[in-house]
Amino acid sequence: MDWSRNILGDLEKNIKRAKKNLEACRKLEINRRNIAREEILKYKLEKLEARRELYWRQRAQTHWLKNGDRNTKFYHAFASERRRRNRIKKNL
């Protein structure tokens, strides 16, 4: 859990923040600086969304690869169940 928080960060929060920044940038006046900033923000958002997609592909593992389905509720549920099943619990 610590590794996930520290290395990956919270992807959903980062994606929301990137979308918010992009919308704010689009409301500014049109000039070269703002256009360049918008391109950078779009690139960052695409990378975050690709990272989220990869994260869920890895969580669902072979079922995702075999069926090649999109990021659906079924695959989220399957990945979450697999995580619960594979978890090693600490004895107190």
PDB file of N, CA and C in Angstrom:
ATOM      1  N   MET A   1       0.821  -1.193   0.000  1.00  0.00           N
ATOM      2  CA  MET A   1       0.000   0.000   0.000  1.00  0.00           C
ATOM      3  C   MET A   1       0.867   1.259   0.000  1.00  0.00           C
ATOM      4  N   ASP A   2       1.938   1.252   0.838  1.00  0.00           N
ATOM      5  CA  ASP A   2       2.826   2.423   0.871  1.00  0.00           C
ATOM      6  C   ASP A   2       3.470   2.646  -0.482  1.00  0.00           C
ATOM      7  N   TRP A   3       3.929   1.570  -1.106  1.00  0.00           N
ATOM      8  CA  TRP A   3       4.574   1.693  -2.422  1.00  0.00           C
ATOM      9  C   TRP A   3       3.595   2.309  -3.414  1.00  0.00           C
ATOM     10  N   SER A   4       2.377   1.845  -3.389  1.00  0.00           N
ATOM     11  CA  SER A   4       1.366   2.356  -4.317  1.00  0.00           C
ATOM     12  C   SER A   4       1.145   3.843  -4.102  1.00  0.00           C
ATOM     13  N   ARG A   5       1.027   4.249  -2.837  1.00  0.00           N
ATOM     14  CA  ARG A   5       0.792   5.657  -2.538  1.00  0.00           C
ATOM     15  C   ARG A   5       1.985   6.526  -2.912  1.00  0.00           C
ATOM     16  N   ASN A   6       3.186   6.048  -2.608  1.00  0.00           N
ATOM     17  CA  ASN A   6       4.379   6.871  -2.814  1.00  0.00           C
ATOM     18  C   ASN A   6       4.874   6.873  -4.256  1.00  0.00           C
ATOM     19  N   ILE A   7       4.796   5.752  -4.938  1.00  0.00           N
ATOM     20  CA  ILE A   7       5.318   5.663  -6.294  1.00  0.00           C
ATOM     21  C   ILE A   7       4.252   6.052  -7.321  1.00  0.00           C
ATOM     22  N   LEU A   8       3.104   5.425  -7.276  1.00  0.00           N
ATOM     23  CA  LEU A   8       2.039   5.724  -8.235  1.00  0.00           C
ATOM     24  C   LEU A   8       1.319   7.022  -7.912  1.00  0.00           C
ATOM     25  N   GLY A   9       1.149   7.266  -6.638  1.00  0.00           N
ATOM     26  CA  GLY A   9       0.338   8.415  -6.251  1.00  0.00           C
ATOM     27  C   GLY A   9      -1.127   8.066  -6.444  1.00  0.00           C
ATOM     28  N   ASP A  10      -1.977   8.998  -6.217  1.00  0.00           N
ATOM     29  CA  ASP A  10      -3.398   8.754  -6.415  1.00  0.00           C
ATOM     30  C   ASP A  10      -3.753   9.180  -7.834  1.00  0.00           C
ATOM     31  N   LEU A  11      -3.840   8.215  -8.726  1.00  0.00           N
ATOM     32  CA  LEU A  11      -4.062   8.503 -10.140  1.00  0.00           C
ATOM     33  C   LEU A  11      -5.345   9.282 -10.384  1.00  0.00           C
ATOM     34  N   GLU A  12      -6.404   8.911  -9.700  1.00  0.00           N
ATOM     35  CA  GLU A  12      -7.684   9.594  -9.929  1.00  0.00           C
ATOM     36  C   GLU A  12      -7.597  11.067  -9.540  1.00  0.00           C
ATOM     37  N   LYS A  13      -6.961  11.364  -8.400  1.00  0.00           N
ATOM     38  CA  LYS A  13      -6.809  12.760  -7.990  1.00  0.00           C
ATOM     39  C   LYS A  13      -5.918  13.516  -8.969  1.00  0.00           C
ATOM     40  N   ASN A  14      -4.842  12.876  -9.414  1.00  0.00           N
ATOM     41  CA  ASN A  14      -3.941  13.524 -10.360  1.00  0.00           C
ATOM     42  C   ASN A  14      -4.624  13.803 -11.694  1.00  0.00           C
ATOM     43  N   ILE A  15      -5.468  12.875 -12.142  1.00  0.00           N
ATOM     44  CA  ILE A  15      -6.190  13.060 -13.399  1.00  0.00           C
ATOM     45  C   ILE A  15      -7.194  14.207 -13.256  1.00  0.00           C
ATOM     46  N   LYS A  16      -7.918  14.259 -12.134  1.00  0.00           N
ATOM     47  CA  LYS A  16      -8.872  15.347 -11.910  1.00  0.00           C
ATOM     48  C   LYS A  16      -8.145  16.694 -11.878  1.00  0.00           C
ATOM     49  N   ARG A  17      -6.996  16.723 -11.195  1.00  0.00           N
ATOM     50  CA  ARG A  17      -6.224  17.960 -11.108  1.00  0.00           C
ATOM     51  C   ARG A  17      -5.733  18.394 -12.489  1.00  0.00           C
ATOM     52  N   ALA A  18      -5.270  17.427 -13.287  1.00  0.00           N
ATOM     53  CA  ALA A  18      -4.786  17.740 -14.638  1.00  0.00           C
ATOM     54  C   ALA A  18      -5.919  18.276 -15.513  1.00  0.00           C
ATOM     55  N   LYS A  19      -7.104  17.690 -15.405  1.00  0.00           N
ATOM     56  CA  LYS A  19      -8.255  18.173 -16.178  1.00  0.00           C
ATOM     57  C   LYS A  19      -8.643  19.584 -15.754  1.00  0.00           C
ATOM     58  N   LYS A  20      -8.617  19.830 -14.445  1.00  0.00           N
ATOM     59  CA  LYS A  20      -8.947  21.151 -13.926  1.00  0.00           C
ATOM     60  C   LYS A  20      -7.939  22.192 -14.426  1.00  0.00           C
ATOM     61  N   ASN A  21      -6.652  21.859 -14.387  1.00  0.00           N
ATOM     62  CA  ASN A  21      -5.613  22.772 -14.873  1.00  0.00           C
ATOM     63  C   ASN A  21      -5.766  23.041 -16.367  1.00  0.00           C
ATOM     64  N   LEU A  22      -6.106  22.003 -17.116  1.00  0.00           N
ATOM     65  CA  LEU A  22      -6.280  22.153 -18.553  1.00  0.00           C
ATOM     66  C   LEU A  22      -7.459  23.080 -18.858  1.00  0.00           C
ATOM     67  N   GLU A  23      -8.565  22.900 -18.153  1.00  0.00           N
ATOM     68  CA  GLU A  23      -9.733  23.767 -18.359  1.00  0.00           C
ATOM     69  C   GLU A  23      -9.411  25.212 -17.994  1.00  0.00           C
ATOM     70  N   ALA A  24      -8.671  25.409 -16.912  1.00  0.00           N
ATOM     71  CA  ALA A  24      -8.291  26.762 -16.511  1.00  0.00           C
ATOM     72  C   ALA A  24      -7.395  27.402 -17.568  1.00  0.00           C
ATOM     73  N   CYS A  25      -6.505  26.620 -18.136  1.00  0.00           N
ATOM     74  CA  CYS A  25      -5.602  27.114 -19.170  1.00  0.00           C
ATOM     75  C   CYS A  25      -6.377  27.501 -20.425  1.00  0.00           C
ATOM     76  N   ARG A  26      -7.394  26.742 -20.751  1.00  0.00           N
ATOM     77  CA  ARG A  26      -8.195  27.021 -21.946  1.00  0.00           C
ATOM     78  C   ARG A  26      -9.011  28.307 -21.813  1.00  0.00           C
ATOM     79  N   LYS A  27      -9.259  28.739 -20.586  1.00  0.00           N
ATOM     80  CA  LYS A  27     -10.030  29.959 -20.364  1.00  0.00           C
ATOM     81  C   LYS A  27      -9.165  31.215 -20.470  1.00  0.00           C
ATOM     82  N   LEU A  28      -7.849  31.052 -20.491  1.00  0.00           N
ATOM     83  CA  LEU A  28      -6.949  32.198 -20.591  1.00  0.00           C
ATOM     84  C   LEU A  28      -6.923  32.720 -22.021  1.00  0.00           C
ATOM     85  N   GLU A  29      -6.381  33.919 -22.172  1.00  0.00           N
ATOM     86  CA  GLU A  29      -6.288  34.498 -23.513  1.00  0.00           C
ATOM     87  C   GLU A  29      -5.359  33.662 -24.392  1.00  0.00           C
ATOM     88  N   ILE A  30      -5.557  33.751 -25.686  1.00  0.00           N
ATOM     89  CA  ILE A  30      -4.776  32.963 -26.630  1.00  0.00           C
ATOM     90  C   ILE A  30      -3.483  33.701 -26.948  1.00  0.00           C
ATOM     91  N   ASN A  31      -2.372  33.063 -26.587  1.00  0.00           N
ATOM     92  CA  ASN A  31      -1.050  33.550 -26.972  1.00  0.00           C
ATOM     93  C   ASN A  31      -0.105  32.356 -27.013  1.00  0.00           C
ATOM     94  N   ARG A  32       1.094  32.564 -27.472  1.00  0.00           N
ATOM     95  CA  ARG A  32       2.026  31.435 -27.642  1.00  0.00           C
ATOM     96  C   ARG A  32       2.313  30.711 -26.338  1.00  0.00           C
ATOM     97  N   ARG A  33       2.491  31.473 -25.296  1.00  0.00           N
ATOM     98  CA  ARG A  33       2.821  30.865 -23.997  1.00  0.00           C
ATOM     99  C   ARG A  33       1.689  29.957 -23.509  1.00  0.00           C
ATOM    100  N   ASN A  34       0.460  30.447 -23.598  1.00  0.00           N
ATOM    101  CA  ASN A  34      -0.689  29.658 -23.134  1.00  0.00           C
ATOM    102  C   ASN A  34      -0.949  28.451 -24.024  1.00  0.00           C
ATOM    103  N   ILE A  35      -0.710  28.598 -25.317  1.00  0.00           N
ATOM    104  CA  ILE A  35      -0.871  27.462 -26.228  1.00  0.00           C
ATOM    105  C   ILE A  35       0.145  26.381 -25.904  1.00  0.00           C
ATOM    106  N   ALA A  36       1.385  26.778 -25.645  1.00  0.00           N
ATOM    107  CA  ALA A  36       2.430  25.811 -25.285  1.00  0.00           C
ATOM    108  C   ALA A  36       2.098  25.137 -23.955  1.00  0.00           C
ATOM    109  N   ARG A  37       1.587  25.926 -23.002  1.00  0.00           N
ATOM    110  CA  ARG A  37       1.209  25.361 -21.697  1.00  0.00           C
ATOM    111  C   ARG A  37       0.074  24.356 -21.862  1.00  0.00           C
ATOM    112  N   GLU A  38      -0.897  24.678 -22.714  1.00  0.00           N
ATOM    113  CA  GLU A  38      -2.016  23.765 -22.953  1.00  0.00           C
ATOM    114  C   GLU A  38      -1.538  22.453 -23.559  1.00  0.00           C
ATOM    115  N   GLU A  39      -0.608  22.520 -24.482  1.00  0.00           N
ATOM    116  CA  GLU A  39      -0.057  21.301 -25.086  1.00  0.00           C
ATOM    117  C   GLU A  39       0.629  20.434 -24.038  1.00  0.00           C
ATOM    118  N   ILE A  40       1.372  21.060 -23.138  1.00  0.00           N
ATOM    119  CA  ILE A  40       2.052  20.323 -22.073  1.00  0.00           C
ATOM    120  C   ILE A  40       1.035  19.674 -21.148  1.00  0.00           C
ATOM    121  N   LEU A  41       0.001  20.413 -20.780  1.00  0.00           N
ATOM    122  CA  LEU A  41      -1.035  19.866 -19.899  1.00  0.00           C
ATOM    123  C   LEU A  41      -1.789  18.713 -20.559  1.00  0.00           C
ATOM    124  N   LYS A  42      -2.072  18.819 -21.863  1.00  0.00           N
ATOM    125  CA  LYS A  42      -2.732  17.718 -22.582  1.00  0.00           C
ATOM    126  C   LYS A  42      -1.851  16.474 -22.579  1.00  0.00           C
ATOM    127  N   TYR A  43      -0.553  16.670 -22.794  1.00  0.00           N
ATOM    128  CA  TYR A  43       0.387  15.554 -22.796  1.00  0.00           C
ATOM    129  C   TYR A  43       0.420  14.871 -21.427  1.00  0.00           C
ATOM    130  N   LYS A  44       0.481  15.660 -20.366  1.00  0.00           N
ATOM    131  CA  LYS A  44       0.497  15.091 -19.012  1.00  0.00           C
ATOM    132  C   LYS A  44      -0.782  14.313 -18.717  1.00  0.00           C
ATOM    133  N   LEU A  45      -1.921  14.860 -19.150  1.00  0.00           N
ATOM    134  CA  LEU A  45      -3.201  14.178 -18.939  1.00  0.00           C
ATOM    135  C   LEU A  45      -3.246  12.849 -19.690  1.00  0.00           C
ATOM    136  N   GLU A  46      -2.777  12.834 -20.922  1.00  0.00           N
ATOM    137  CA  GLU A  46      -2.727  11.589 -21.696  1.00  0.00           C
ATOM    138  C   GLU A  46      -1.848  10.546 -21.004  1.00  0.00           C
ATOM    139  N   LYS A  47      -0.714  10.972 -20.474  1.00  0.00           N
ATOM    140  CA  LYS A  47       0.188  10.044 -19.778  1.00  0.00           C
ATOM    141  C   LYS A  47      -0.464   9.481 -18.518  1.00  0.00           C
ATOM    142  N   LEU A  48      -1.160  10.329 -17.767  1.00  0.00           N
ATOM    143  CA  LEU A  48      -1.850   9.858 -16.562  1.00  0.00           C
ATOM    144  C   LEU A  48      -2.948   8.862 -16.907  1.00  0.00           C
ATOM    145  N   GLU A  49      -3.711   9.146 -17.955  1.00  0.00           N
ATOM    146  CA  GLU A  49      -4.772   8.224 -18.360  1.00  0.00           C
ATOM    147  C   GLU A  49      -4.197   6.902 -18.871  1.00  0.00           C
ATOM    148  N   ALA A  50      -3.083   6.963 -19.564  1.00  0.00           N
ATOM    149  CA  ALA A  50      -2.425   5.739 -20.030  1.00  0.00           C
ATOM    150  C   ALA A  50      -1.910   4.934 -18.839  1.00  0.00           C
ATOM    151  N   ARG A  51      -1.405   5.629 -17.817  1.00  0.00           N
ATOM    152  CA  ARG A  51      -0.916   4.938 -16.617  1.00  0.00           C
ATOM    153  C   ARG A  51      -2.056   4.245 -15.886  1.00  0.00           C
ATOM    154  N   ARG A  52      -3.238   4.930 -15.830  1.00  0.00           N
ATOM    155  CA  ARG A  52      -4.407   4.325 -15.181  1.00  0.00           C
ATOM    156  C   ARG A  52      -4.856   3.083 -15.952  1.00  0.00           C
ATOM    157  N   GLU A  53      -4.883   3.195 -17.268  1.00  0.00           N
ATOM    158  CA  GLU A  53      -5.277   2.055 -18.113  1.00  0.00           C
ATOM    159  C   GLU A  53      -4.324   0.881 -17.913  1.00  0.00           C
ATOM    160  N   LEU A  54      -3.043   1.147 -17.887  1.00  0.00           N
ATOM    161  CA  LEU A  54      -2.042   0.104 -17.667  1.00  0.00           C
ATOM    162  C   LEU A  54      -2.201  -0.521 -16.288  1.00  0.00           C
ATOM    163  N   TYR A  55      -2.471   0.304 -15.294  1.00  0.00           N
ATOM    164  CA  TYR A  55      -2.673  -0.186 -13.934  1.00  0.00           C
ATOM    165  C   TYR A  55      -3.793  -1.226 -13.898  1.00  0.00           C
ATOM    166  N   TRP A  56      -4.927  -0.894 -14.535  1.00  0.00           N
ATOM    167  CA  TRP A  56      -6.047  -1.836 -14.513  1.00  0.00           C
ATOM    168  C   TRP A  56      -5.784  -3.055 -15.382  1.00  0.00           C
ATOM    169  N   ARG A  57      -5.047  -2.906 -16.443  1.00  0.00           N
ATOM    170  CA  ARG A  57      -4.687  -4.078 -17.257  1.00  0.00           C
ATOM    171  C   ARG A  57      -3.839  -5.044 -16.442  1.00  0.00           C
ATOM    172  N   GLN A  58      -2.887  -4.513 -15.702  1.00  0.00           N
ATOM    173  CA  GLN A  58      -2.020  -5.368 -14.894  1.00  0.00           C
ATOM    174  C   GLN A  58      -2.791  -6.019 -13.754  1.00  0.00           C
ATOM    175  N   ARG A  59      -3.762  -5.320 -13.204  1.00  0.00           N
ATOM    176  CA  ARG A  59      -4.544  -5.890 -12.110  1.00  0.00           C
ATOM    177  C   ARG A  59      -5.389  -7.061 -12.594  1.00  0.00           C
ATOM    178  N   ALA A  60      -5.957  -6.969 -13.764  1.00  0.00           N
ATOM    179  CA  ALA A  60      -6.813  -8.032 -14.278  1.00  0.00           C
ATOM    180  C   ALA A  60      -5.999  -9.156 -14.920  1.00  0.00           C
ATOM    181  N   GLN A  61      -4.750  -8.898 -15.204  1.00  0.00           N
ATOM    182  CA  GLN A  61      -3.781  -9.829 -15.772  1.00  0.00           C
ATOM    183  C   GLN A  61      -4.294 -10.567 -17.001  1.00  0.00           C
ATOM    184  N   THR A  62      -4.232 -11.867 -17.002  1.00  0.00           N
ATOM    185  CA  THR A  62      -4.465 -12.644 -18.213  1.00  0.00           C
ATOM    186  C   THR A  62      -5.883 -12.534 -18.765  1.00  0.00           C
ATOM    187  N   HIS A  63      -6.864 -12.346 -17.896  1.00  0.00           N
ATOM    188  CA  HIS A  63      -8.241 -12.245 -18.390  1.00  0.00           C
ATOM    189  C   HIS A  63      -8.395 -11.047 -19.308  1.00  0.00           C
ATOM    190  N   TRP A  64      -7.727  -9.980 -18.969  1.00  0.00           N
ATOM    191  CA  TRP A  64      -7.769  -8.781 -19.814  1.00  0.00           C
ATOM    192  C   TRP A  64      -7.126  -9.081 -21.161  1.00  0.00           C
ATOM    193  N   LEU A  65      -5.976  -9.723 -21.121  1.00  0.00           N
ATOM    194  CA  LEU A  65      -5.242  -9.986 -22.354  1.00  0.00           C
ATOM    195  C   LEU A  65      -5.982 -10.980 -23.255  1.00  0.00           C
ATOM    196  N   LYS A  66      -6.577 -11.990 -22.661  1.00  0.00           N
ATOM    197  CA  LYS A  66      -7.301 -12.987 -23.440  1.00  0.00           C
ATOM    198  C   LYS A  66      -8.527 -12.392 -24.121  1.00  0.00           C
ATOM    199  N   ASN A  67      -9.300 -11.635 -23.359  1.00  0.00           N
ATOM    200  CA  ASN A  67     -10.567 -11.126 -23.869  1.00  0.00           C
ATOM    201  C   ASN A  67     -10.431  -9.777 -24.561  1.00  0.00           C
ATOM    202  N   GLY A  68      -9.398  -9.042 -24.236  1.00  0.00           N
ATOM    203  CA  GLY A  68      -9.157  -7.766 -24.877  1.00  0.00           C
ATOM    204  C   GLY A  68     -10.291  -6.757 -24.712  1.00  0.00           C
ATOM    205  N   ASP A  69     -11.012  -6.864 -23.616  1.00  0.00           N
ATOM    206  CA  ASP A  69     -12.147  -5.980 -23.404  1.00  0.00           C
ATOM    207  C   ASP A  69     -11.675  -4.627 -22.882  1.00  0.00           C
ATOM    208  N   ARG A  70     -12.556  -3.664 -22.935  1.00  0.00           N
ATOM    209  CA  ARG A  70     -12.227  -2.318 -22.456  1.00  0.00           C
ATOM    210  C   ARG A  70     -12.318  -2.277 -20.932  1.00  0.00           C
ATOM    211  N   ASN A  71     -11.976  -1.158 -20.370  1.00  0.00           N
ATOM    212  CA  ASN A  71     -11.928  -0.957 -18.931  1.00  0.00           C
ATOM    213  C   ASN A  71     -13.356  -0.894 -18.375  1.00  0.00           C
ATOM    214  N   THR A  72     -13.928  -2.057 -18.047  1.00  0.00           N
ATOM    215  CA  THR A  72     -15.328  -2.124 -17.635  1.00  0.00           C
ATOM    216  C   THR A  72     -15.452  -2.455 -16.159  1.00  0.00           C
ATOM    217  N   LYS A  73     -16.676  -2.353 -15.665  1.00  0.00           N
ATOM    218  CA  LYS A  73     -16.972  -2.663 -14.275  1.00  0.00           C
ATOM    219  C   LYS A  73     -16.609  -4.124 -13.964  1.00  0.00           C
ATOM    220  N   PHE A  74     -16.831  -5.019 -14.917  1.00  0.00           N
ATOM    221  CA  PHE A  74     -16.507  -6.432 -14.736  1.00  0.00           C
ATOM    222  C   PHE A  74     -15.034  -6.627 -14.403  1.00  0.00           C
ATOM    223  N   TYR A  75     -14.156  -5.964 -15.158  1.00  0.00           N
ATOM    224  CA  TYR A  75     -12.721  -6.149 -14.938  1.00  0.00           C
ATOM    225  C   TYR A  75     -12.247  -5.486 -13.657  1.00  0.00           C
ATOM    226  N   HIS A  76     -12.858  -4.383 -13.271  1.00  0.00           N
ATOM    227  CA  HIS A  76     -12.517  -3.767 -11.985  1.00  0.00           C
ATOM    228  C   HIS A  76     -12.888  -4.713 -10.847  1.00  0.00           C
ATOM    229  N   ALA A  77     -14.067  -5.306 -10.932  1.00  0.00           N
ATOM    230  CA  ALA A  77     -14.512  -6.242  -9.895  1.00  0.00           C
ATOM    231  C   ALA A  77     -13.609  -7.470  -9.857  1.00  0.00           C
ATOM    232  N   PHE A  78     -13.243  -7.973 -11.013  1.00  0.00           N
ATOM    233  CA  PHE A  78     -12.371  -9.148 -11.070  1.00  0.00           C
ATOM    234  C   PHE A  78     -11.011  -8.845 -10.451  1.00  0.00           C
ATOM    235  N   ALA A  79     -10.439  -7.688 -10.789  1.00  0.00           N
ATOM    236  CA  ALA A  79      -9.123  -7.321 -10.267  1.00  0.00           C
ATOM    237  C   ALA A  79      -9.178  -7.114  -8.757  1.00  0.00           C
ATOM    238  N   SER A  80     -10.240  -6.495  -8.272  1.00  0.00           N
ATOM    239  CA  SER A  80     -10.374  -6.259  -6.831  1.00  0.00           C
ATOM    240  C   SER A  80     -10.528  -7.575  -6.078  1.00  0.00           C
ATOM    241  N   GLU A  81     -11.309  -8.490  -6.616  1.00  0.00           N
ATOM    242  CA  GLU A  81     -11.484  -9.805  -5.977  1.00  0.00           C
ATOM    243  C   GLU A  81     -10.164 -10.563  -5.954  1.00  0.00           C
ATOM    244  N   ARG A  82      -9.414 -10.498  -7.032  1.00  0.00           N
ATOM    245  CA  ARG A  82      -8.117 -11.171  -7.104  1.00  0.00           C
ATOM    246  C   ARG A  82      -7.171 -10.609  -6.051  1.00  0.00           C
ATOM    247  N   ARG A  83      -7.196  -9.292  -5.850  1.00  0.00           N
ATOM    248  CA  ARG A  83      -6.356  -8.661  -4.841  1.00  0.00           C
ATOM    249  C   ARG A  83      -6.723  -9.162  -3.451  1.00  0.00           C
ATOM    250  N   ARG A  84      -8.024  -9.255  -3.155  1.00  0.00           N
ATOM    251  CA  ARG A  84      -8.461  -9.750  -1.841  1.00  0.00           C
ATOM    252  C   ARG A  84      -8.017 -11.198  -1.632  1.00  0.00           C
ATOM    253  N   ARG A  85      -8.125 -12.014  -2.668  1.00  0.00           N
ATOM    254  CA  ARG A  85      -7.769 -13.414  -2.568  1.00  0.00           C
ATOM    255  C   ARG A  85      -6.273 -13.620  -2.358  1.00  0.00           C
ATOM    256  N   ASN A  86      -5.454 -12.787  -2.980  1.00  0.00           N
ATOM    257  CA  ASN A  86      -4.007 -12.944  -2.911  1.00  0.00           C
ATOM    258  C   ASN A  86      -3.362 -12.226  -1.732  1.00  0.00           C
ATOM    259  N   ARG A  87      -4.135 -11.499  -0.981  1.00  0.00           N
ATOM    260  CA  ARG A  87      -3.578 -10.712   0.131  1.00  0.00           C
ATOM    261  C   ARG A  87      -3.075 -11.639   1.238  1.00  0.00           C
ATOM    262  N   ILE A  88      -1.921 -11.334   1.741  1.00  0.00           N
ATOM    263  CA  ILE A  88      -1.350 -12.076   2.883  1.00  0.00           C
ATOM    264  C   ILE A  88      -1.616 -11.256   4.121  1.00  0.00           C
ATOM    265  N   LYS A  89      -2.349 -11.829   5.068  1.00  0.00           N
ATOM    266  CA  LYS A  89      -2.734 -11.094   6.259  1.00  0.00           C
ATOM    267  C   LYS A  89      -1.696 -11.306   7.359  1.00  0.00           C
ATOM    268  N   LYS A  90      -1.471 -10.269   8.108  1.00  0.00           N
ATOM    269  CA  LYS A  90      -0.507 -10.290   9.205  1.00  0.00           C
ATOM    270  C   LYS A  90      -1.183 -10.831  10.463  1.00  0.00           C
ATOM    271  N   ASN A  91      -0.577 -11.809  11.109  1.00  0.00           N
ATOM    272  CA  ASN A  91      -1.102 -12.335  12.368  1.00  0.00           C
ATOM    273  C   ASN A  91      -0.629 -11.445  13.508  1.00  0.00           C
ATOM    274  N   LEU A  92      -1.537 -11.107  14.377  1.00  0.00           N
ATOM    275  CA  LEU A  92      -1.179 -10.236  15.519  1.00  0.00           C
ATOM    276  C   LEU A  92      -0.785 -11.006  16.719  1.00  0.00           C
TER     277      LEU A  92
END
